[in-house]
């Protein structure tokens, strides 16, 4: 009876052992899958981080380029304003000079006409 009970128990233990081995193999396969997934996720996370870093650097580079371009354009605008102011001063001086010259021409024309009239009178009297 004891031997039969022992045999029965050994069969039960062997069956449980087989079942545990199957579960162990199944768990190992699941663990391998999880480890592969984990490795893939880590790899993707590193790639994502690299892309994110490059994007951030690119954005900073673009921002710096924009700021440099803006600064250059602002300097150009200031130069153009100064140049415009100088041109306005020159234009005003030219207009004053033209006005003065026009007045002088008018005065000279008047004097010439006066002189011509006097010459006519002088010629008539001779």
Foldseek 3Di string as FASTA:
>chain_A
DVVVVVVVVVVVVVVVVVVVVVVVVVVVVVVVVVVVVVVVVVVVVVVVVVVVVVVVVVVVVVVVVVVVVVVVVVVVVVVVVVVVVVVVVVVVVVVVVVVVVVVVVVVVVVVVVVVVVVVVVVVVVD
